[in-house]
Amino acid sequence: MYRVWNFLTNYSLLLIIGALLALVWANTNPETYHHFVEFVIWDHAPIGHYHHGHRTLTLHYLVNDVLMALFFAMAAKEVWEAVILKEGSLRGKKAATPLFATAGGMFGPIAVYLGLAALLGSDTYQAVANGWAIPTATDIAFSYLVGRIVFGAGHPAVRFLLLLAIADDAVGLIILAIFYPSGELAPEWLLASFAAALVVFVVFNWLPRKMDAGNPDRPNSTWVRKNLHFVPYAVAGCISWYGFMRSGLHPALGLLPIVPAIPHADRGFGFFSDAETHLHDLLNVIEHALKHPVEVVLFFFGLLNAGVEFSAIGDATWLVLAGLIIGKPIGILIFGWFAAVPLRLGIPQGMRIIDLVVIGFVAAIGFTVSLFVASVAFPPGDVQDAAKMGALFSFAAAFLSIIAGKIFRVQKADLAAAE
């Protein structure tokens, strides 16, 4: 039997604890909190924030720019399998309507955010415009959790929501890479990242399989797997991460080129499926080995990024919230309806068009990724703090989702009924 508490403890509890601690700390003793966040681990370091001719590794940089790369690598793994595998969830006609809905879940929040910002005047617009991507994010774990509460674990809308969230992650990674560089661009450094990915793929993945062609015992692939395991990919990951840092792209995306190079299964069930634990390809083994360390990383991410004083609430707070809780449902409904009805792509059996509104509210929980985008969209200060508060307040979408489910008379479906 599915238990909400088990899911919460497995995927989100440490993040919530970290965020709550940060809020309490920042509002009771802001001076010590900010001193903790910017604690200098290593001055004149080879990695870190670059200023005054040298790099400084702070605790904030270690978590946001180095360790969060593991979080984004796990998200990229789900996206990669959804796209590349024969039965991938983002392939074929079944993914068409969710992909259209994902586009609506992007354009709707952007239109609401920038439109309302323009109405507030040119000064406000110029101050907040760079945060347009903050309300486009969907927190995949929290949204999946709330979706199962609202619809029931066996409802087709939950699967639809998961496809939308995975596609949202894919677009979000692209947005971060293109629109939010961490410094002056030096794209030649990306050659190091992609060279590392190419070399590790050819030497430790493709070549052993090529040498084993026709031999069911697969001696070369087995030797590489048993003796080297993840080590070549870890080395390549470090090189790729460093290349991203020096290129000016956000280093938290630095492991993305390595993910496709790792041997993967012929099929995927999704990270939230129990069946994933029975897959023993290297990519799944690495992902599940990282699961608990990434939970700890998310605790510190919440602790170091959610510490916003309540006095920081401002225009950016309400713009982010409006983008999420108004733009998401409207955008997902319009684009999803357009795909399902005029384009005749349809929606899953057992779903109604009106369910798209409820899905829109569920997808409006931005939290983790919205918080991350807010931290890179604005420099530290009042606007960044206000935007972060909007990301934190997006938890309200969970309650709106439950209310919307009641209003639109969602018929819950458990797994037993679905089967």
Protein backbone atom coordinates (compact mmCIF):
# COMPACT_ATOMS: atom_id res chain seq x y z
CA MET A 1 0.00 0.00 0.00
CA TYR A 2 1.29 3.43 -0.93
CA ARG A 3 2.16 5.61 2.04
CA VAL A 4 2.61 9.35 1.66
CA TRP A 5 4.92 9.53 4.68
CA ASN A 6 7.32 6.95 3.19
CA PHE A 7 7.49 8.89 -0.05
CA LEU A 8 8.02 12.16 1.80
CA THR A 9 10.88 10.77 3.90
CA ASN A 10 12.49 9.13 0.86
CA TYR A 11 12.52 12.17 -1.40
CA SER A 12 11.75 15.47 0.30
CA LEU A 13 11.90 15.52 4.09
CA LEU A 14 15.50 16.70 4.49
CA LEU A 15 14.95 19.46 1.95
CA ILE A 16 11.88 20.69 3.85
CA ILE A 17 13.75 20.56 7.17
CA GLY A 18 16.65 22.53 5.69
CA ALA A 19 14.33 25.19 4.26
CA LEU A 20 12.39 25.57 7.52
CA LEU A 21 15.59 25.85 9.55
CA ALA A 22 16.84 28.50 7.15
CA LEU A 23 13.65 30.54 7.47
CA VAL A 24 13.73 30.41 11.25
CA TRP A 25 17.46 31.20 11.44
CA ALA A 26 17.33 34.08 8.92
CA ASN A 27 14.40 35.69 10.71
CA THR A 28 15.82 35.34 14.24
CA ASN A 29 19.53 35.99 13.68
CA PRO A 30 20.16 37.09 10.09
CA GLU A 31 23.74 38.17 10.72
CA THR A 32 24.98 34.74 11.81
CA TYR A 33 22.90 33.07 9.09
CA HIS A 34 24.47 35.06 6.25
CA HIS A 35 27.91 34.60 7.78
CA PHE A 36 27.29 30.84 7.72
CA VAL A 37 26.08 30.90 4.10
CA GLU A 38 29.15 32.79 2.88
CA PHE A 39 31.62 30.92 5.07
CA VAL A 40 34.98 30.80 3.25
CA ILE A 41 36.29 27.26 2.93
CA TRP A 42 39.32 28.08 0.75
CA ASP A 43 40.54 31.45 -0.44
CA HIS A 44 42.64 31.59 -3.62
CA ALA A 45 41.18 28.19 -4.57
CA PRO A 46 41.20 26.54 -8.03
CA ILE A 47 37.39 26.62 -8.02
CA GLY A 48 34.84 29.05 -6.61
CA HIS A 49 33.52 32.56 -7.12
CA TYR A 50 35.93 34.68 -9.18
CA HIS A 51 36.57 38.19 -7.93
CA HIS A 52 39.59 40.46 -7.45
CA GLY A 53 41.75 38.21 -9.63
CA HIS A 54 41.28 34.98 -7.70
CA ARG A 55 38.68 32.34 -6.81
CA THR A 56 37.14 31.80 -3.39
CA LEU A 57 35.40 28.58 -2.43
CA THR A 58 32.53 29.34 -0.06
CA LEU A 59 30.05 26.96 1.52
CA HIS A 60 27.31 28.42 -0.70
CA TYR A 61 29.39 27.77 -3.83
CA LEU A 62 30.23 24.24 -2.72
CA VAL A 63 26.56 23.34 -2.37
CA ASN A 64 24.94 25.35 -5.21
CA ASP A 65 27.61 25.03 -7.88
CA VAL A 66 29.44 21.79 -7.05
CA LEU A 67 27.19 19.38 -5.15
CA MET A 68 23.93 20.39 -6.86
CA ALA A 69 25.52 19.05 -10.04
CA LEU A 70 24.62 15.59 -8.66
CA PHE A 71 20.96 16.63 -8.36
CA PHE A 72 20.84 17.92 -11.94
CA ALA A 73 22.65 14.80 -13.17
CA MET A 74 19.88 12.65 -11.66
CA ALA A 75 17.26 14.82 -13.35
CA ALA A 76 19.18 14.55 -16.63
CA LYS A 77 19.26 10.75 -16.29
CA GLU A 78 15.46 10.61 -16.17
CA VAL A 79 15.19 12.94 -19.17
CA TRP A 80 17.82 11.00 -21.13
CA GLU A 81 16.09 7.65 -20.61
CA ALA A 82 12.68 9.15 -21.39
CA VAL A 83 14.03 10.35 -24.74
CA ILE A 84 16.49 7.61 -25.80
CA LEU A 85 14.90 4.34 -24.72
CA LYS A 86 12.59 2.56 -27.15
CA GLU A 87 9.73 2.70 -24.65
CA GLY A 88 10.80 6.09 -23.29
CA SER A 89 7.98 8.14 -21.82
CA LEU A 90 8.78 11.19 -23.97
CA ARG A 91 8.70 9.27 -27.24
CA GLY A 92 5.80 8.60 -29.55
CA LYS A 93 2.25 9.86 -29.72
CA LYS A 94 1.60 9.23 -26.01
CA ALA A 95 4.02 12.03 -25.16
CA ALA A 96 2.61 14.56 -27.63
CA THR A 97 -0.12 16.11 -25.47
CA PRO A 98 2.05 16.22 -22.31
CA LEU A 99 4.76 17.96 -24.35
CA PHE A 100 2.26 20.55 -25.59
CA ALA A 101 1.06 20.99 -21.99
CA THR A 102 4.69 21.44 -20.91
CA ALA A 103 5.04 24.27 -23.43
CA GLY A 104 1.91 25.86 -21.98
CA GLY A 105 3.37 25.42 -18.51
CA MET A 106 6.35 27.46 -19.70
CA PHE A 107 4.76 30.20 -21.80
CA GLY A 108 1.82 30.78 -19.42
CA PRO A 109 3.98 31.66 -16.39
CA ILE A 110 6.37 33.76 -18.49
CA ALA A 111 3.46 35.76 -19.97
CA VAL A 112 1.85 36.34 -16.57
CA TYR A 113 5.18 37.20 -14.86
CA LEU A 114 6.38 39.67 -17.51
CA GLY A 115 2.89 41.02 -18.26
CA LEU A 116 2.19 41.90 -14.64
CA ALA A 117 5.72 43.25 -14.23
CA ALA A 118 5.12 45.60 -17.19
CA LEU A 119 1.88 46.80 -15.59
CA LEU A 120 3.82 47.73 -12.44
CA GLY A 121 5.93 50.19 -14.39
CA SER A 122 9.23 50.30 -16.24
CA ASP A 123 11.38 50.52 -13.11
CA THR A 124 9.84 47.38 -11.62
CA TYR A 125 9.98 45.61 -14.98
CA GLN A 126 13.70 46.31 -15.40
CA ALA A 127 14.39 45.19 -11.83
CA VAL A 128 12.59 41.84 -12.10
CA ALA A 129 12.60 40.96 -15.81
CA ASN A 130 15.58 38.61 -15.59
CA GLY A 131 13.59 36.34 -13.28
CA TRP A 132 11.13 35.31 -16.02
CA ALA A 133 12.25 31.67 -15.84
CA ILE A 134 11.64 31.28 -12.09
CA PRO A 135 7.90 30.43 -12.39
CA THR A 136 8.46 28.02 -15.30
CA ALA A 137 9.93 25.40 -12.97
CA THR A 138 8.11 22.34 -11.61
CA ASP A 139 9.45 20.53 -8.55
CA ILE A 140 9.16 16.95 -9.80
CA ALA A 141 9.21 15.19 -6.40
CA PHE A 142 6.73 17.46 -4.64
CA SER A 143 4.44 17.63 -7.66
CA TYR A 144 4.43 13.85 -8.01
CA LEU A 145 3.63 13.50 -4.32
CA VAL A 146 0.75 16.01 -4.43
CA GLY A 147 -0.50 14.55 -7.70
CA ARG A 148 -0.87 11.15 -6.06
CA ILE A 149 -2.71 12.70 -3.13
CA VAL A 150 -5.14 14.60 -5.41
CA PHE A 151 -5.73 11.99 -8.12
CA GLY A 152 -4.85 8.71 -6.41
CA ALA A 153 -1.83 6.61 -7.35
CA GLY A 154 -3.56 4.81 -10.22
CA HIS A 155 -5.07 7.81 -12.02
CA PRO A 156 -3.74 8.43 -15.57
CA ALA A 157 -3.34 12.11 -14.67
CA VAL A 158 -0.43 11.15 -12.38
CA ARG A 159 1.43 9.59 -15.30
CA PHE A 160 0.58 12.65 -17.43
CA LEU A 161 1.91 14.92 -14.68
CA LEU A 162 5.14 12.93 -14.42
CA LEU A 163 5.73 13.17 -18.19
CA LEU A 164 5.09 16.92 -18.00
CA ALA A 165 7.49 17.32 -15.06
CA ILE A 166 10.26 15.36 -16.81
CA ALA A 167 9.86 17.44 -19.97
CA ASP A 168 9.79 20.56 -17.80
CA ASP A 169 13.12 19.50 -16.28
CA ALA A 170 14.59 19.05 -19.75
CA VAL A 171 13.56 22.53 -20.87
CA GLY A 172 14.64 23.98 -17.52
CA LEU A 173 18.16 22.60 -17.95
CA ILE A 174 18.34 24.19 -21.40
CA ILE A 175 17.08 27.53 -20.05
CA LEU A 176 19.67 27.49 -17.27
CA ALA A 177 22.47 26.72 -19.71
CA ILE A 178 21.51 29.34 -22.30
CA PHE A 179 20.03 32.25 -20.35
CA TYR A 180 21.80 32.11 -16.98
CA PRO A 181 25.56 31.86 -17.44
CA SER A 182 27.61 32.13 -14.27
CA GLY A 183 30.25 34.42 -15.76
CA GLU A 184 31.80 35.68 -18.97
CA LEU A 185 31.39 33.05 -21.66
CA ALA A 186 34.46 31.14 -22.78
CA PRO A 187 32.84 28.38 -24.88
CA GLU A 188 36.19 26.84 -25.86
CA TRP A 189 36.28 25.28 -22.39
CA LEU A 190 33.25 23.21 -23.32
CA LEU A 191 35.56 21.24 -25.59
CA ALA A 192 37.09 19.75 -22.43
CA SER A 193 33.65 18.70 -21.18
CA PHE A 194 32.52 17.07 -24.40
CA ALA A 195 35.96 15.53 -25.04
CA ALA A 196 35.80 13.90 -21.59
CA ALA A 197 32.32 12.55 -22.36
CA LEU A 198 33.39 11.25 -25.78
CA VAL A 199 36.56 9.58 -24.51
CA VAL A 200 34.92 7.86 -21.57
CA PHE A 201 32.06 6.65 -23.80
CA VAL A 202 34.32 5.23 -26.50
CA VAL A 203 36.96 3.68 -24.25
CA PHE A 204 34.86 2.33 -21.39
CA ASN A 205 31.44 1.79 -22.97
CA TRP A 206 31.40 1.41 -26.76
CA LEU A 207 34.80 -0.31 -27.25
CA PRO A 208 34.29 -3.14 -24.70
CA ARG A 209 30.85 -3.87 -26.17
CA LYS A 210 32.34 -3.82 -29.69
CA MET A 211 35.03 -6.30 -28.64
CA ASP A 212 32.37 -8.51 -27.05
CA ALA A 213 30.18 -8.61 -30.17
CA GLY A 214 28.89 -12.14 -30.68
CA ASN A 215 30.24 -13.38 -27.34
CA PRO A 216 27.40 -13.91 -24.83
CA ASP A 217 29.90 -14.02 -21.92
CA ARG A 218 30.87 -10.37 -22.60
CA PRO A 219 34.34 -10.72 -20.98
CA ASN A 220 35.59 -7.21 -21.79
CA SER A 221 32.46 -5.38 -20.66
CA THR A 222 32.36 -7.51 -17.51
CA TRP A 223 36.01 -6.77 -16.71
CA VAL A 224 35.48 -3.02 -17.12
CA ARG A 225 32.33 -3.12 -14.98
CA LYS A 226 33.83 -5.25 -12.16
CA ASN A 227 37.25 -3.62 -11.97
CA LEU A 228 36.63 -0.01 -12.91
CA HIS A 229 32.94 0.40 -12.07
CA PHE A 230 32.03 4.13 -11.98
CA VAL A 231 35.60 5.49 -11.62
CA PRO A 232 36.22 6.48 -15.28
CA TYR A 233 32.90 8.33 -15.34
CA ALA A 234 33.66 10.09 -12.05
CA VAL A 235 36.99 11.32 -13.48
CA ALA A 236 35.28 12.42 -16.70
CA GLY A 237 32.60 14.12 -14.60
CA CYS A 238 35.21 16.17 -12.74
CA ILE A 239 36.79 17.26 -16.03
CA SER A 240 33.39 18.09 -17.51
CA TRP A 241 32.37 20.06 -14.42
CA TYR A 242 35.61 22.08 -14.52
CA GLY A 243 35.06 22.77 -18.22
CA PHE A 244 31.59 24.14 -17.50
CA MET A 245 32.92 26.31 -14.68
CA ARG A 246 35.61 27.83 -16.87
CA SER A 247 33.22 28.18 -19.85
CA GLY A 248 30.94 30.54 -17.95
CA LEU A 249 27.95 28.19 -18.06
CA HIS A 250 26.52 27.31 -14.69
CA PRO A 251 28.77 24.57 -13.25
CA ALA A 252 25.79 22.82 -11.60
CA LEU A 253 25.06 21.56 -15.13
CA GLY A 254 28.59 20.28 -15.55
CA LEU A 255 27.79 16.56 -15.35
CA LEU A 256 25.14 16.63 -18.07
CA PRO A 257 27.47 15.64 -20.95
CA ILE A 258 28.62 12.56 -19.01
CA VAL A 259 25.17 11.07 -18.34
CA PRO A 260 24.61 9.83 -21.94
CA ALA A 261 28.06 8.22 -21.92
CA ILE A 262 27.24 5.81 -19.07
CA PRO A 263 25.91 2.31 -19.96
CA HIS A 264 22.15 2.31 -19.49
CA ALA A 265 19.32 -0.20 -19.41
CA ASP A 266 17.16 -1.13 -22.40
CA ARG A 267 14.10 0.21 -20.59
CA GLY A 268 13.30 2.53 -17.71
CA PHE A 269 10.49 2.63 -15.21
CA GLY A 270 11.10 6.11 -13.74
CA PHE A 271 12.91 7.01 -10.54
CA PHE A 272 9.76 6.79 -8.42
CA SER A 273 9.03 3.23 -9.52
CA ASP A 274 9.98 0.30 -7.26
CA ALA A 275 10.87 -1.63 -10.42
CA GLU A 276 13.89 0.65 -10.90
CA THR A 277 15.62 -1.06 -7.98
CA HIS A 278 15.78 -4.26 -10.03
CA LEU A 279 17.73 -2.64 -12.87
CA HIS A 280 21.47 -3.23 -12.53
CA ASP A 281 22.92 -1.26 -15.43
CA LEU A 282 25.66 1.14 -14.36
CA LEU A 283 23.56 4.28 -14.89
CA ASN A 284 20.81 3.04 -12.55
CA VAL A 285 23.34 1.73 -10.04
CA ILE A 286 25.02 5.14 -9.91
CA GLU A 287 21.69 6.96 -9.61
CA HIS A 288 20.49 4.86 -6.71
CA ALA A 289 23.89 5.09 -5.01
CA LEU A 290 23.57 8.88 -5.22
CA LYS A 291 20.00 9.01 -3.91
CA HIS A 292 20.79 9.38 -0.19
CA PRO A 293 23.85 11.65 -0.67
CA VAL A 294 21.71 13.93 -2.85
CA GLU A 295 19.07 14.05 -0.10
CA VAL A 296 21.78 15.45 2.19
CA VAL A 297 22.83 17.89 -0.54
CA LEU A 298 19.21 19.07 -0.82
CA PHE A 299 19.10 19.60 2.94
CA PHE A 300 22.04 21.98 2.68
CA PHE A 301 20.60 23.53 -0.48
CA GLY A 302 17.42 24.35 1.46
CA LEU A 303 19.44 25.57 4.44
CA LEU A 304 21.69 27.85 2.37
CA ASN A 305 19.08 29.22 -0.05
CA ALA A 306 15.73 29.43 1.75
CA GLY A 307 16.93 31.76 4.49
CA VAL A 308 14.92 34.82 3.52
CA GLU A 309 13.61 37.42 5.96
CA PHE A 310 9.86 37.89 5.75
CA SER A 311 10.45 41.60 5.39
CA ALA A 312 11.93 40.83 1.97
CA ILE A 313 8.49 40.12 0.48
CA GLY A 314 8.08 42.41 -2.51
CA ASP A 315 6.95 42.70 -6.12
CA ALA A 316 9.08 39.75 -7.25
CA THR A 317 7.39 37.53 -4.65
CA TRP A 318 3.92 38.12 -6.05
CA LEU A 319 5.09 37.97 -9.66
CA VAL A 320 6.67 34.55 -9.14
CA LEU A 321 3.56 33.34 -7.32
CA ALA A 322 1.22 34.71 -9.98
CA GLY A 323 3.30 33.15 -12.73
CA LEU A 324 3.06 29.77 -11.01
CA ILE A 325 -0.49 29.63 -9.69
CA ILE A 326 -2.15 31.58 -12.52
CA GLY A 327 0.14 31.04 -15.51
CA LYS A 328 0.73 27.31 -15.03
CA PRO A 329 -2.93 26.16 -14.89
CA ILE A 330 -4.03 28.48 -17.71
CA GLY A 331 -1.07 27.63 -19.94
CA ILE A 332 -1.34 23.88 -19.37
CA LEU A 333 -5.12 23.94 -19.99
CA ILE A 334 -4.92 25.97 -23.21
CA PHE A 335 -1.99 24.12 -24.77
CA GLY A 336 -3.16 20.72 -23.53
CA TRP A 337 -6.69 21.33 -24.89
CA PHE A 338 -5.26 22.51 -28.22
CA ALA A 339 -3.22 19.32 -28.56
CA ALA A 340 -5.98 16.99 -27.41
CA VAL A 341 -8.95 18.46 -29.33
CA PRO A 342 -8.11 20.60 -32.40
CA LEU A 343 -4.95 18.60 -33.16
CA ARG A 344 -6.72 15.34 -32.21
CA LEU A 345 -3.75 14.00 -30.28
CA GLY A 346 -6.07 12.99 -27.44
CA ILE A 347 -5.48 12.52 -23.74
CA PRO A 348 -5.03 9.30 -21.75
CA GLN A 349 -8.12 7.19 -21.23
CA GLY A 350 -9.69 8.00 -17.88
CA MET A 351 -8.59 11.66 -17.97
CA ARG A 352 -10.82 14.68 -18.66
CA ILE A 353 -9.82 17.98 -20.22
CA ILE A 354 -10.76 19.74 -16.99
CA ASP A 355 -8.18 17.59 -15.18
CA LEU A 356 -5.56 19.70 -16.95
CA VAL A 357 -6.49 22.62 -14.69
CA VAL A 358 -5.83 20.50 -11.59
CA ILE A 359 -2.58 19.23 -13.11
CA GLY A 360 -1.65 22.88 -13.70
CA PHE A 361 -2.05 23.70 -10.02
CA VAL A 362 0.00 20.63 -9.03
CA ALA A 363 2.74 21.60 -11.48
CA ALA A 364 2.78 25.10 -9.97
CA ILE A 365 4.84 23.82 -7.03
CA GLY A 366 8.16 25.29 -8.14
CA PHE A 367 10.11 25.14 -4.88
CA THR A 368 13.51 23.45 -5.47
CA VAL A 369 14.20 24.43 -9.07
CA SER A 370 12.46 27.82 -8.74
CA LEU A 371 14.63 28.53 -5.70
CA PHE A 372 17.74 27.56 -7.68
CA VAL A 373 16.79 29.75 -10.67
CA ALA A 374 16.07 32.69 -8.34
CA SER A 375 19.56 32.33 -6.89
CA VAL A 376 21.17 32.65 -10.36
CA ALA A 377 18.72 35.09 -11.95
CA PHE A 378 19.46 37.94 -9.54
CA PRO A 379 22.49 39.06 -7.57
CA PRO A 380 22.20 38.79 -3.77
CA GLY A 381 19.90 41.46 -2.48
CA ASP A 382 16.30 42.52 -2.07
CA VAL A 383 15.02 41.34 -5.46
CA GLN A 384 16.63 37.91 -5.14
CA ASP A 385 15.23 37.51 -1.62
CA ALA A 386 11.75 38.54 -2.77
CA ALA A 387 11.88 36.08 -5.68
CA LYS A 388 13.04 33.30 -3.38
CA MET A 389 10.10 33.99 -1.10
CA GLY A 390 7.80 33.52 -4.10
CA ALA A 391 9.42 30.14 -4.78
CA LEU A 392 8.91 29.11 -1.15
CA PHE A 393 5.30 30.30 -1.14
CA SER A 394 4.61 28.12 -4.19
CA PHE A 395 3.90 25.37 -1.66
CA ALA A 396 0.46 27.01 -1.52
CA ALA A 397 -0.19 25.39 -4.90
CA ALA A 398 -0.45 22.05 -3.09
CA PHE A 399 -3.48 23.26 -1.16
CA LEU A 400 -4.94 24.90 -4.26
CA SER A 401 -4.53 21.57 -6.06
CA ILE A 402 -6.56 19.75 -3.42
CA ILE A 403 -9.26 22.45 -3.55
CA ALA A 404 -9.32 22.33 -7.37
CA GLY A 405 -9.61 18.55 -7.21
CA LYS A 406 -12.72 18.91 -5.05
CA ILE A 407 -14.25 21.67 -7.20
CA PHE A 408 -13.76 19.76 -10.45
CA ARG A 409 -14.81 16.48 -8.83
CA VAL A 410 -11.70 14.44 -9.51
CA GLN A 411 -12.44 10.76 -9.09
CA LYS A 412 -9.48 9.26 -7.26
CA ALA A 413 -8.08 6.00 -8.61
CA ASP A 414 -5.81 3.77 -6.55
CA LEU A 415 -3.33 1.33 -8.06
CA ALA A 416 -5.56 -1.68 -7.49
CA ALA A 417 -8.40 -0.04 -9.40
CA ALA A 418 -6.04 0.91 -12.25
CA GLU A 419 -4.88 -2.66 -12.56
